[in-house]
mmCIF file of all heavy atoms, coordinates in Angstrom:
data_MODEL
# 
_entry.id   MODEL 
# 
loop_
_atom_site.group_PDB 
_atom_site.id 
_atom_site.type_symbol 
_atom_site.label_atom_id 
_atom_site.label_alt_id 
_atom_site.label_comp_id 
_atom_site.label_asym_id 
_atom_site.label_entity_id 
_atom_site.label_seq_id 
_atom_site.pdbx_PDB_ins_code 
_atom_site.Cartn_x 
_atom_site.Cartn_y 
_atom_site.Cartn_z 
_atom_site.occupancy 
_atom_site.B_iso_or_equiv 
_atom_site.pdbx_formal_charge 
_atom_site.auth_seq_id 
_atom_site.auth_comp_id 
_atom_site.auth_asym_id 
_atom_site.auth_atom_id 
_atom_site.pdbx_PDB_model_num 
ATOM 1   N N   . GLU A 1 1  ? 0.818  -1.215 0.024   1.00 0.00 ? 1  GLU A N   1 
ATOM 2   C CA  . GLU A 1 1  ? 0.010  -0.015 0.012   1.00 0.00 ? 1  GLU A CA  1 
ATOM 3   C C   . GLU A 1 1  ? 0.847  1.282  -0.008  1.00 0.00 ? 1  GLU A C   1 
ATOM 4   O O   . GLU A 1 1  ? 0.434  2.297  -0.518  1.00 0.00 ? 1  GLU A O   1 
ATOM 5   C CB  . GLU A 1 1  ? -0.913 -0.003 1.224   1.00 0.00 ? 1  GLU A CB  1 
ATOM 6   C CG  . GLU A 1 1  ? -2.007 -1.048 1.161   1.00 0.00 ? 1  GLU A CG  1 
ATOM 7   C CD  . GLU A 1 1  ? -2.952 -0.931 2.333   1.00 0.00 ? 1  GLU A CD  1 
ATOM 8   O OE1 . GLU A 1 1  ? -2.742 -0.004 3.159   1.00 0.00 ? 1  GLU A OE1 1 
ATOM 9   O OE2 . GLU A 1 1  ? -3.881 -1.698 2.475   1.00 0.00 ? 1  GLU A OE2 1 
ATOM 10  N N   . ARG A 1 2  ? 2.058  1.171  0.587   1.00 0.00 ? 2  ARG A N   1 
ATOM 11  C CA  . ARG A 1 2  ? 2.889  2.378  0.638   1.00 0.00 ? 2  ARG A CA  1 
ATOM 12  C C   . ARG A 1 2  ? 3.309  2.807  -0.745  1.00 0.00 ? 2  ARG A C   1 
ATOM 13  O O   . ARG A 1 2  ? 3.409  3.992  -1.019  1.00 0.00 ? 2  ARG A O   1 
ATOM 14  C CB  . ARG A 1 2  ? 4.102  2.120  1.505   1.00 0.00 ? 2  ARG A CB  1 
ATOM 15  C CG  . ARG A 1 2  ? 3.784  2.031  3.021   1.00 0.00 ? 2  ARG A CG  1 
ATOM 16  C CD  . ARG A 1 2  ? 4.992  1.662  3.836   1.00 0.00 ? 2  ARG A CD  1 
ATOM 17  N NE  . ARG A 1 2  ? 5.442  0.283  3.528   1.00 0.00 ? 2  ARG A NE  1 
ATOM 18  C CZ  . ARG A 1 2  ? 6.478  -0.287 4.126   1.00 0.00 ? 2  ARG A CZ  1 
ATOM 19  N NH1 . ARG A 1 2  ? 7.165  0.353  5.065   1.00 0.00 ? 2  ARG A NH1 1 
ATOM 20  N NH2 . ARG A 1 2  ? 6.822  -1.534 3.797   1.00 0.00 ? 2  ARG A NH2 1 
ATOM 21  N N   . ILE A 1 3  ? 3.574  1.807  -1.613  1.00 0.00 ? 3  ILE A N   1 
ATOM 22  C CA  . ILE A 1 3  ? 3.969  2.133  -2.981  1.00 0.00 ? 3  ILE A CA  1 
ATOM 23  C C   . ILE A 1 3  ? 2.767  2.802  -3.697  1.00 0.00 ? 3  ILE A C   1 
ATOM 24  O O   . ILE A 1 3  ? 2.924  3.760  -4.440  1.00 0.00 ? 3  ILE A O   1 
ATOM 25  C CB  . ILE A 1 3  ? 4.422  0.907  -3.725  1.00 0.00 ? 3  ILE A CB  1 
ATOM 26  C CG1 . ILE A 1 3  ? 5.654  0.275  -3.040  1.00 0.00 ? 3  ILE A CG1 1 
ATOM 27  C CG2 . ILE A 1 3  ? 4.693  1.221  -5.228  1.00 0.00 ? 3  ILE A CG2 1 
ATOM 28  C CD1 . ILE A 1 3  ? 6.171  -0.973 -3.714  1.00 0.00 ? 3  ILE A CD1 1 
ATOM 29  N N   . GLY A 1 4  ? 1.584  2.300  -3.457  1.00 0.00 ? 4  GLY A N   1 
ATOM 30  C CA  . GLY A 1 4  ? 0.404  2.900  -4.028  1.00 0.00 ? 4  GLY A CA  1 
ATOM 31  C C   . GLY A 1 4  ? 0.206  4.336  -3.560  1.00 0.00 ? 4  GLY A C   1 
ATOM 32  O O   . GLY A 1 4  ? -0.132 5.229  -4.342  1.00 0.00 ? 4  GLY A O   1 
ATOM 33  N N   . HIS A 1 5  ? 0.473  4.599  -2.267  1.00 0.00 ? 5  HIS A N   1 
ATOM 34  C CA  . HIS A 1 5  ? 0.331  5.924  -1.752  1.00 0.00 ? 5  HIS A CA  1 
ATOM 35  C C   . HIS A 1 5  ? 1.367  6.852  -2.396  1.00 0.00 ? 5  HIS A C   1 
ATOM 36  O O   . HIS A 1 5  ? 1.079  8.009  -2.678  1.00 0.00 ? 5  HIS A O   1 
ATOM 37  C CB  . HIS A 1 5  ? 0.512  5.905  -0.229  1.00 0.00 ? 5  HIS A CB  1 
ATOM 38  C CG  . HIS A 1 5  ? -0.661 5.300  0.501   1.00 0.00 ? 5  HIS A CG  1 
ATOM 39  N ND1 . HIS A 1 5  ? -1.969 5.479  0.114   1.00 0.00 ? 5  HIS A ND1 1 
ATOM 40  C CD2 . HIS A 1 5  ? -0.658 4.481  1.577   1.00 0.00 ? 5  HIS A CD2 1 
ATOM 41  C CE1 . HIS A 1 5  ? -2.760 4.849  0.944   1.00 0.00 ? 5  HIS A CE1 1 
ATOM 42  N NE2 . HIS A 1 5  ? -2.005 4.179  1.840   1.00 0.00 ? 5  HIS A NE2 1 
ATOM 43  N N   . ILE A 1 6  ? 2.573  6.304  -2.565  1.00 0.00 ? 6  ILE A N   1 
ATOM 44  C CA  . ILE A 1 6  ? 3.633  7.132  -3.176  1.00 0.00 ? 6  ILE A CA  1 
ATOM 45  C C   . ILE A 1 6  ? 3.223  7.550  -4.574  1.00 0.00 ? 6  ILE A C   1 
ATOM 46  O O   . ILE A 1 6  ? 3.398  8.715  -5.012  1.00 0.00 ? 6  ILE A O   1 
ATOM 47  C CB  . ILE A 1 6  ? 4.978  6.344  -3.204  1.00 0.00 ? 6  ILE A CB  1 
ATOM 48  C CG1 . ILE A 1 6  ? 5.472  6.218  -1.775  1.00 0.00 ? 6  ILE A CG1 1 
ATOM 49  C CG2 . ILE A 1 6  ? 5.999  7.111  -4.072  1.00 0.00 ? 6  ILE A CG2 1 
ATOM 50  C CD1 . ILE A 1 6  ? 6.690  5.363  -1.674  1.00 0.00 ? 6  ILE A CD1 1 
ATOM 51  N N   . LEU A 1 7  ? 2.662  6.572  -5.347  1.00 0.00 ? 7  LEU A N   1 
ATOM 52  C CA  . LEU A 1 7  ? 2.235  6.895  -6.718  1.00 0.00 ? 7  LEU A CA  1 
ATOM 53  C C   . LEU A 1 7  ? 1.117  7.940  -6.722  1.00 0.00 ? 7  LEU A C   1 
ATOM 54  O O   . LEU A 1 7  ? 1.085  8.839  -7.544  1.00 0.00 ? 7  LEU A O   1 
ATOM 55  C CB  . LEU A 1 7  ? 1.760  5.625  -7.429  1.00 0.00 ? 7  LEU A CB  1 
ATOM 56  C CG  . LEU A 1 7  ? 2.830  4.588  -7.695  1.00 0.00 ? 7  LEU A CG  1 
ATOM 57  C CD1 . LEU A 1 7  ? 2.209  3.326  -8.279  1.00 0.00 ? 7  LEU A CD1 1 
ATOM 58  C CD2 . LEU A 1 7  ? 3.935  5.132  -8.610  1.00 0.00 ? 7  LEU A CD2 1 
ATOM 59  N N   . VAL A 1 8  ? 0.171  7.803  -5.776  1.00 0.00 ? 8  VAL A N   1 
ATOM 60  C CA  . VAL A 1 8  ? -0.932 8.753  -5.715  1.00 0.00 ? 8  VAL A CA  1 
ATOM 61  C C   . VAL A 1 8  ? -0.421 10.133 -5.335  1.00 0.00 ? 8  VAL A C   1 
ATOM 62  O O   . VAL A 1 8  ? -0.796 11.152 -5.955  1.00 0.00 ? 8  VAL A O   1 
ATOM 63  C CB  . VAL A 1 8  ? -1.989 8.282  -4.662  1.00 0.00 ? 8  VAL A CB  1 
ATOM 64  C CG1 . VAL A 1 8  ? -3.047 9.357  -4.428  1.00 0.00 ? 8  VAL A CG1 1 
ATOM 65  C CG2 . VAL A 1 8  ? -2.666 7.026  -5.145  1.00 0.00 ? 8  VAL A CG2 1 
ATOM 66  N N   . TYR A 1 9  ? 0.472  10.209 -4.334  1.00 0.00 ? 9  TYR A N   1 
ATOM 67  C CA  . TYR A 1 9  ? 1.019  11.507 -3.932  1.00 0.00 ? 9  TYR A CA  1 
ATOM 68  C C   . TYR A 1 9  ? 1.854  12.123 -5.064  1.00 0.00 ? 9  TYR A C   1 
ATOM 69  O O   . TYR A 1 9  ? 1.839  13.350 -5.287  1.00 0.00 ? 9  TYR A O   1 
ATOM 70  C CB  . TYR A 1 9  ? 1.906  11.381 -2.687  1.00 0.00 ? 9  TYR A CB  1 
ATOM 71  C CG  . TYR A 1 9  ? 1.095  11.005 -1.485  1.00 0.00 ? 9  TYR A CG  1 
ATOM 72  C CD1 . TYR A 1 9  ? 1.615  10.204 -0.461  1.00 0.00 ? 9  TYR A CD1 1 
ATOM 73  C CD2 . TYR A 1 9  ? -0.212 11.472 -1.296  1.00 0.00 ? 9  TYR A CD2 1 
ATOM 74  C CE1 . TYR A 1 9  ? 0.906  9.897  0.682   1.00 0.00 ? 9  TYR A CE1 1 
ATOM 75  C CE2 . TYR A 1 9  ? -0.957 11.152 -0.158  1.00 0.00 ? 9  TYR A CE2 1 
ATOM 76  C CZ  . TYR A 1 9  ? -0.410 10.368 0.829   1.00 0.00 ? 9  TYR A CZ  1 
ATOM 77  O OH  . TYR A 1 9  ? -1.131 10.073 1.905   1.00 0.00 ? 9  TYR A OH  1 
ATOM 78  N N   . ALA A 1 10 ? 2.599  11.303 -5.796  1.00 0.00 ? 10 ALA A N   1 
ATOM 79  C CA  . ALA A 1 10 ? 3.377  11.800 -6.916  1.00 0.00 ? 10 ALA A CA  1 
ATOM 80  C C   . ALA A 1 10 ? 2.463  12.393 -8.002  1.00 0.00 ? 10 ALA A C   1 
ATOM 81  O O   . ALA A 1 10 ? 2.732  13.454 -8.584  1.00 0.00 ? 10 ALA A O   1 
ATOM 82  C CB  . ALA A 1 10 ? 4.237  10.703 -7.502  1.00 0.00 ? 10 ALA A CB  1 
ATOM 83  N N   . SER A 1 11 ? 1.365  11.703 -8.288  1.00 0.00 ? 11 SER A N   1 
ATOM 84  C CA  . SER A 1 11 ? 0.427  12.217 -9.284  1.00 0.00 ? 11 SER A CA  1 
ATOM 85  C C   . SER A 1 11 ? -0.212 13.542 -8.827  1.00 0.00 ? 11 SER A C   1 
ATOM 86  O O   . SER A 1 11 ? -0.345 14.482 -9.594  1.00 0.00 ? 11 SER A O   1 
ATOM 87  C CB  . SER A 1 11 ? -0.676 11.199 -9.525  1.00 0.00 ? 11 SER A CB  1 
ATOM 88  O OG  . SER A 1 11 ? -0.141 9.992  -9.984  1.00 0.00 ? 11 SER A OG  1 
ATOM 89  N N   . MET A 1 12 ? -0.579 13.603 -7.538  1.00 0.00 ? 12 MET A N   1 
ATOM 90  C CA  . MET A 1 12 ? -1.167 14.864 -7.004  1.00 0.00 ? 12 MET A CA  1 
ATOM 91  C C   . MET A 1 12 ? -0.168 15.991 -7.053  1.00 0.00 ? 12 MET A C   1 
ATOM 92  O O   . MET A 1 12 ? -0.533 17.125 -7.351  1.00 0.00 ? 12 MET A O   1 
ATOM 93  C CB  . MET A 1 12 ? -1.661 14.597 -5.582  1.00 0.00 ? 12 MET A CB  1 
ATOM 94  C CG  . MET A 1 12 ? -2.860 13.680 -5.451  1.00 0.00 ? 12 MET A CG  1 
ATOM 95  S SD  . MET A 1 12 ? -3.328 13.323 -3.748  1.00 0.00 ? 12 MET A SD  1 
ATOM 96  C CE  . MET A 1 12 ? -3.738 15.015 -3.206  1.00 0.00 ? 12 MET A CE  1 
ATOM 97  N N   . PHE A 1 13 ? 1.075  15.682 -6.721  1.00 0.00 ? 13 PHE A N   1 
ATOM 98  C CA  . PHE A 1 13 ? 2.112  16.735 -6.753  1.00 0.00 ? 13 PHE A CA  1 
ATOM 99  C C   . PHE A 1 13 ? 2.258  17.293 -8.166  1.00 0.00 ? 13 PHE A C   1 
ATOM 100 O O   . PHE A 1 13 ? 2.393  18.512 -8.353  1.00 0.00 ? 13 PHE A O   1 
ATOM 101 C CB  . PHE A 1 13 ? 3.409  16.130 -6.288  1.00 0.00 ? 13 PHE A CB  1 
ATOM 102 C CG  . PHE A 1 13 ? 4.588  17.106 -6.421  1.00 0.00 ? 13 PHE A CG  1 
ATOM 103 C CD1 . PHE A 1 13 ? 4.763  18.152 -5.511  1.00 0.00 ? 13 PHE A CD1 1 
ATOM 104 C CD2 . PHE A 1 13 ? 5.506  16.935 -7.440  1.00 0.00 ? 13 PHE A CD2 1 
ATOM 105 C CE1 . PHE A 1 13 ? 5.841  19.030 -5.661  1.00 0.00 ? 13 PHE A CE1 1 
ATOM 106 C CE2 . PHE A 1 13 ? 6.546  17.813 -7.610  1.00 0.00 ? 13 PHE A CE2 1 
ATOM 107 C CZ  . PHE A 1 13 ? 6.717  18.851 -6.699  1.00 0.00 ? 13 PHE A CZ  1 
ATOM 108 N N   . ILE A 1 14 ? 2.269  16.379 -9.162  1.00 0.00 ? 14 ILE A N   1 
ATOM 109 C CA  . ILE A 1 14 ? 2.442  16.887 -10.565 1.00 0.00 ? 14 ILE A CA  1 
ATOM 110 C C   . ILE A 1 14 ? 1.236  17.739 -10.966 1.00 0.00 ? 14 ILE A C   1 
ATOM 111 O O   . ILE A 1 14 ? 1.406  18.776 -11.606 1.00 0.00 ? 14 ILE A O   1 
ATOM 112 C CB  . ILE A 1 14 ? 2.589  15.672 -11.475 1.00 0.00 ? 14 ILE A CB  1 
ATOM 113 C CG1 . ILE A 1 14 ? 3.918  14.976 -11.197 1.00 0.00 ? 14 ILE A CG1 1 
ATOM 114 C CG2 . ILE A 1 14 ? 2.542  16.118 -12.930 1.00 0.00 ? 14 ILE A CG2 1 
ATOM 115 C CD1 . ILE A 1 14 ? 4.134  13.681 -11.945 1.00 0.00 ? 14 ILE A CD1 1 
ATOM 116 N N   . VAL A 1 15 ? 0.059  17.316 -10.576 1.00 0.00 ? 15 VAL A N   1 
ATOM 117 C CA  . VAL A 1 15 ? -1.163 18.059 -10.951 1.00 0.00 ? 15 VAL A CA  1 
ATOM 118 C C   . VAL A 1 15 ? -1.152 19.443 -10.362 1.00 0.00 ? 15 VAL A C   1 
ATOM 119 O O   . VAL A 1 15 ? -1.505 20.430 -11.014 1.00 0.00 ? 15 VAL A O   1 
ATOM 120 C CB  . VAL A 1 15 ? -2.424 17.283 -10.539 1.00 0.00 ? 15 VAL A CB  1 
ATOM 121 C CG1 . VAL A 1 15 ? -3.669 18.149 -10.717 1.00 0.00 ? 15 VAL A CG1 1 
ATOM 122 C CG2 . VAL A 1 15 ? -2.542 15.981 -11.362 1.00 0.00 ? 15 VAL A CG2 1 
ATOM 123 N N   . PHE A 1 16 ? -0.751 19.555 -9.079  1.00 0.00 ? 16 PHE A N   1 
ATOM 124 C CA  . PHE A 1 16 ? -0.702 20.875 -8.456  1.00 0.00 ? 16 PHE A CA  1 
ATOM 125 C C   . PHE A 1 16 ? 0.529  21.672 -8.859  1.00 0.00 ? 16 PHE A C   1 
ATOM 126 O O   . PHE A 1 16 ? 0.501  22.900 -8.817  1.00 0.00 ? 16 PHE A O   1 
ATOM 127 C CB  . PHE A 1 16 ? -0.708 20.716 -6.916  1.00 0.00 ? 16 PHE A CB  1 
ATOM 128 C CG  . PHE A 1 16 ? -2.067 20.345 -6.344  1.00 0.00 ? 16 PHE A CG  1 
ATOM 129 C CD1 . PHE A 1 16 ? -2.279 19.065 -5.871  1.00 0.00 ? 16 PHE A CD1 1 
ATOM 130 C CD2 . PHE A 1 16 ? -3.098 21.244 -6.349  1.00 0.00 ? 16 PHE A CD2 1 
ATOM 131 C CE1 . PHE A 1 16 ? -3.553 18.693 -5.400  1.00 0.00 ? 16 PHE A CE1 1 
ATOM 132 C CE2 . PHE A 1 16 ? -4.341 20.934 -5.829  1.00 0.00 ? 16 PHE A CE2 1 
ATOM 133 C CZ  . PHE A 1 16 ? -4.551 19.627 -5.366  1.00 0.00 ? 16 PHE A CZ  1 
ATOM 134 N N   . PHE A 1 17 ? 1.600  20.988 -9.231  1.00 0.00 ? 17 PHE A N   1 
ATOM 135 C CA  . PHE A 1 17 ? 2.832  21.683 -9.594  1.00 0.00 ? 17 PHE A CA  1 
ATOM 136 C C   . PHE A 1 17 ? 2.718  22.358 -10.923 1.00 0.00 ? 17 PHE A C   1 
ATOM 137 O O   . PHE A 1 17 ? 3.335  23.437 -11.156 1.00 0.00 ? 17 PHE A O   1 
ATOM 138 C CB  . PHE A 1 17 ? 3.994  20.684 -9.612  1.00 0.00 ? 17 PHE A CB  1 
ATOM 139 C CG  . PHE A 1 17 ? 5.289  21.300 -10.070 1.00 0.00 ? 17 PHE A CG  1 
ATOM 140 C CD1 . PHE A 1 17 ? 6.039  22.104 -9.212  1.00 0.00 ? 17 PHE A CD1 1 
ATOM 141 C CD2 . PHE A 1 17 ? 5.784  21.071 -11.366 1.00 0.00 ? 17 PHE A CD2 1 
ATOM 142 C CE1 . PHE A 1 17 ? 7.227  22.647 -9.638  1.00 0.00 ? 17 PHE A CE1 1 
ATOM 143 C CE2 . PHE A 1 17 ? 6.985  21.593 -11.784 1.00 0.00 ? 17 PHE A CE2 1 
ATOM 144 C CZ  . PHE A 1 17 ? 7.697  22.403 -10.920 1.00 0.00 ? 17 PHE A CZ  1 
ATOM 145 N N   . ILE A 1 18 ? 1.925  21.811 -11.862 1.00 0.00 ? 18 ILE A N   1 
ATOM 146 C CA  . ILE A 1 18 ? 1.863  22.355 -13.222 1.00 0.00 ? 18 ILE A CA  1 
ATOM 147 C C   . ILE A 1 18 ? 1.383  23.812 -13.222 1.00 0.00 ? 18 ILE A C   1 
ATOM 148 O O   . ILE A 1 18 ? 2.001  24.693 -13.812 1.00 0.00 ? 18 ILE A O   1 
ATOM 149 C CB  . ILE A 1 18 ? 0.967  21.476 -14.110 1.00 0.00 ? 18 ILE A CB  1 
ATOM 150 C CG1 . ILE A 1 18 ? 1.706  20.135 -14.392 1.00 0.00 ? 18 ILE A CG1 1 
ATOM 151 C CG2 . ILE A 1 18 ? 0.653  22.172 -15.428 1.00 0.00 ? 18 ILE A CG2 1 
ATOM 152 C CD1 . ILE A 1 18 ? 0.884  19.160 -15.187 1.00 0.00 ? 18 ILE A CD1 1 
ATOM 153 N N   . PRO A 1 19 ? 0.214  24.146 -12.607 1.00 0.00 ? 19 PRO A N   1 
ATOM 154 C CA  . PRO A 1 19 ? -0.240 25.543 -12.625 1.00 0.00 ? 19 PRO A CA  1 
ATOM 155 C C   . PRO A 1 19 ? 0.713  26.465 -11.913 1.00 0.00 ? 19 PRO A C   1 
ATOM 156 O O   . PRO A 1 19 ? 0.908  27.619 -12.346 1.00 0.00 ? 19 PRO A O   1 
ATOM 157 C CB  . PRO A 1 19 ? -1.627 25.497 -11.955 1.00 0.00 ? 19 PRO A CB  1 
ATOM 158 C CG  . PRO A 1 19 ? -1.657 24.233 -11.198 1.00 0.00 ? 19 PRO A CG  1 
ATOM 159 C CD  . PRO A 1 19 ? -0.815 23.281 -11.936 1.00 0.00 ? 19 PRO A CD  1 
ATOM 160 N N   . ILE A 1 20 ? 1.316  26.031 -10.789 1.00 0.00 ? 20 ILE A N   1 
ATOM 161 C CA  . ILE A 1 20 ? 2.287  26.881 -10.090 1.00 0.00 ? 20 ILE A CA  1 
ATOM 162 C C   . ILE A 1 20 ? 3.491  27.154 -10.985 1.00 0.00 ? 20 ILE A C   1 
ATOM 163 O O   . ILE A 1 20 ? 3.940  28.289 -11.068 1.00 0.00 ? 20 ILE A O   1 
ATOM 164 C CB  . ILE A 1 20 ? 2.707  26.210 -8.763  1.00 0.00 ? 20 ILE A CB  1 
ATOM 165 C CG1 . ILE A 1 20 ? 1.508  26.057 -7.822  1.00 0.00 ? 20 ILE A CG1 1 
ATOM 166 C CG2 . ILE A 1 20 ? 3.830  26.971 -8.093  1.00 0.00 ? 20 ILE A CG2 1 
ATOM 167 C CD1 . ILE A 1 20 ? 1.817  25.314 -6.549  1.00 0.00 ? 20 ILE A CD1 1 
ATOM 168 N N   . PHE A 1 21 ? 3.984  26.111 -11.648 1.00 0.00 ? 21 PHE A N   1 
ATOM 169 C CA  . PHE A 1 21 ? 5.145  26.287 -12.557 1.00 0.00 ? 21 PHE A CA  1 
ATOM 170 C C   . PHE A 1 21 ? 4.776  27.278 -13.693 1.00 0.00 ? 21 PHE A C   1 
ATOM 171 O O   . PHE A 1 21 ? 5.560  28.103 -14.057 1.00 0.00 ? 21 PHE A O   1 
ATOM 172 C CB  . PHE A 1 21 ? 5.535  24.951 -13.136 1.00 0.00 ? 21 PHE A CB  1 
ATOM 173 C CG  . PHE A 1 21 ? 6.554  25.018 -14.232 1.00 0.00 ? 21 PHE A CG  1 
ATOM 174 C CD1 . PHE A 1 21 ? 7.876  25.198 -13.928 1.00 0.00 ? 21 PHE A CD1 1 
ATOM 175 C CD2 . PHE A 1 21 ? 6.166  24.939 -15.566 1.00 0.00 ? 21 PHE A CD2 1 
ATOM 176 C CE1 . PHE A 1 21 ? 8.836  25.297 -14.939 1.00 0.00 ? 21 PHE A CE1 1 
ATOM 177 C CE2 . PHE A 1 21 ? 7.116  25.013 -16.550 1.00 0.00 ? 21 PHE A CE2 1 
ATOM 178 C CZ  . PHE A 1 21 ? 8.442  25.226 -16.259 1.00 0.00 ? 21 PHE A CZ  1 
ATOM 179 N N   . CYS A 1 22 ? 3.577  27.119 -14.231 1.00 0.00 ? 22 CYS A N   1 
ATOM 180 C CA  . CYS A 1 22 ? 3.142  28.020 -15.344 1.00 0.00 ? 22 CYS A CA  1 
ATOM 181 C C   . CYS A 1 22 ? 3.047  29.441 -14.876 1.00 0.00 ? 22 CYS A C   1 
ATOM 182 O O   . CYS A 1 22 ? 3.415  30.379 -15.598 1.00 0.00 ? 22 CYS A O   1 
ATOM 183 C CB  . CYS A 1 22 ? 1.829  27.507 -15.915 1.00 0.00 ? 22 CYS A CB  1 
ATOM 184 S SG  . CYS A 1 22 ? 1.938  25.922 -16.771 1.00 0.00 ? 22 CYS A SG  1 
ATOM 185 N N   . ILE A 1 23 ? 2.473  29.698 -13.686 1.00 0.00 ? 23 ILE A N   1 
ATOM 186 C CA  . ILE A 1 23 ? 2.315  31.038 -13.196 1.00 0.00 ? 23 ILE A CA  1 
ATOM 187 C C   . ILE A 1 23 ? 3.685  31.695 -12.929 1.00 0.00 ? 23 ILE A C   1 
ATOM 188 O O   . ILE A 1 23 ? 3.936  32.820 -13.336 1.00 0.00 ? 23 ILE A O   1 
ATOM 189 C CB  . ILE A 1 23 ? 1.459  31.060 -11.915 1.00 0.00 ? 23 ILE A CB  1 
ATOM 190 C CG1 . ILE A 1 23 ? -0.002 30.700 -12.270 1.00 0.00 ? 23 ILE A CG1 1 
ATOM 191 C CG2 . ILE A 1 23 ? 1.490  32.386 -11.219 1.00 0.00 ? 23 ILE A CG2 1 
ATOM 192 C CD1 . ILE A 1 23 ? -0.875 30.529 -11.038 1.00 0.00 ? 23 ILE A CD1 1 
ATOM 193 N N   . VAL A 1 24 ? 4.575  30.952 -12.283 1.00 0.00 ? 24 VAL A N   1 
ATOM 194 C CA  . VAL A 1 24 ? 5.937  31.511 -11.958 1.00 0.00 ? 24 VAL A CA  1 
ATOM 195 C C   . VAL A 1 24 ? 6.661  31.756 -13.300 1.00 0.00 ? 24 VAL A C   1 
ATOM 196 O O   . VAL A 1 24 ? 7.333  32.794 -13.431 1.00 0.00 ? 24 VAL A O   1 
ATOM 197 C CB  . VAL A 1 24 ? 6.709  30.548 -11.054 1.00 0.00 ? 24 VAL A CB  1 
ATOM 198 C CG1 . VAL A 1 24 ? 8.137  30.957 -10.913 1.00 0.00 ? 24 VAL A CG1 1 
ATOM 199 C CG2 . VAL A 1 24 ? 6.020  30.415 -9.704  1.00 0.00 ? 24 VAL A CG2 1 
ATOM 200 N N   . SER A 1 25 ? 6.552  30.820 -14.242 1.00 0.00 ? 25 SER A N   1 
ATOM 201 C CA  . SER A 1 25 ? 7.210  31.036 -15.515 1.00 0.00 ? 25 SER A CA  1 
ATOM 202 C C   . SER A 1 25 ? 6.644  32.255 -16.289 1.00 0.00 ? 25 SER A C   1 
ATOM 203 O O   . SER A 1 25 ? 7.398  33.014 -16.877 1.00 0.00 ? 25 SER A O   1 
ATOM 204 C CB  . SER A 1 25 ? 7.061  29.790 -16.412 1.00 0.00 ? 25 SER A CB  1 
ATOM 205 O OG  . SER A 1 25 ? 7.648  28.648 -15.799 1.00 0.00 ? 25 SER A OG  1 
ATOM 206 N N   . ALA A 1 26 ? 5.322  32.457 -16.217 1.00 0.00 ? 26 ALA A N   1 
ATOM 207 C CA  . ALA A 1 26 ? 4.713  33.587 -16.894 1.00 0.00 ? 26 ALA A CA  1 
ATOM 208 C C   . ALA A 1 26 ? 5.219  34.921 -16.271 1.00 0.00 ? 26 ALA A C   1 
ATOM 209 O O   . ALA A 1 26 ? 5.469  35.844 -17.006 1.00 0.00 ? 26 ALA A O   1 
ATOM 210 C CB  . ALA A 1 26 ? 3.179  33.502 -16.816 1.00 0.00 ? 26 ALA A CB  1 
# 
């Protein structure tokens, strides 16, 4: 289950990171 949690957290991080990255880059 820990590996599954890691994958879920990694996916959530990428989803939230994209708009932050785009705003800072803009």
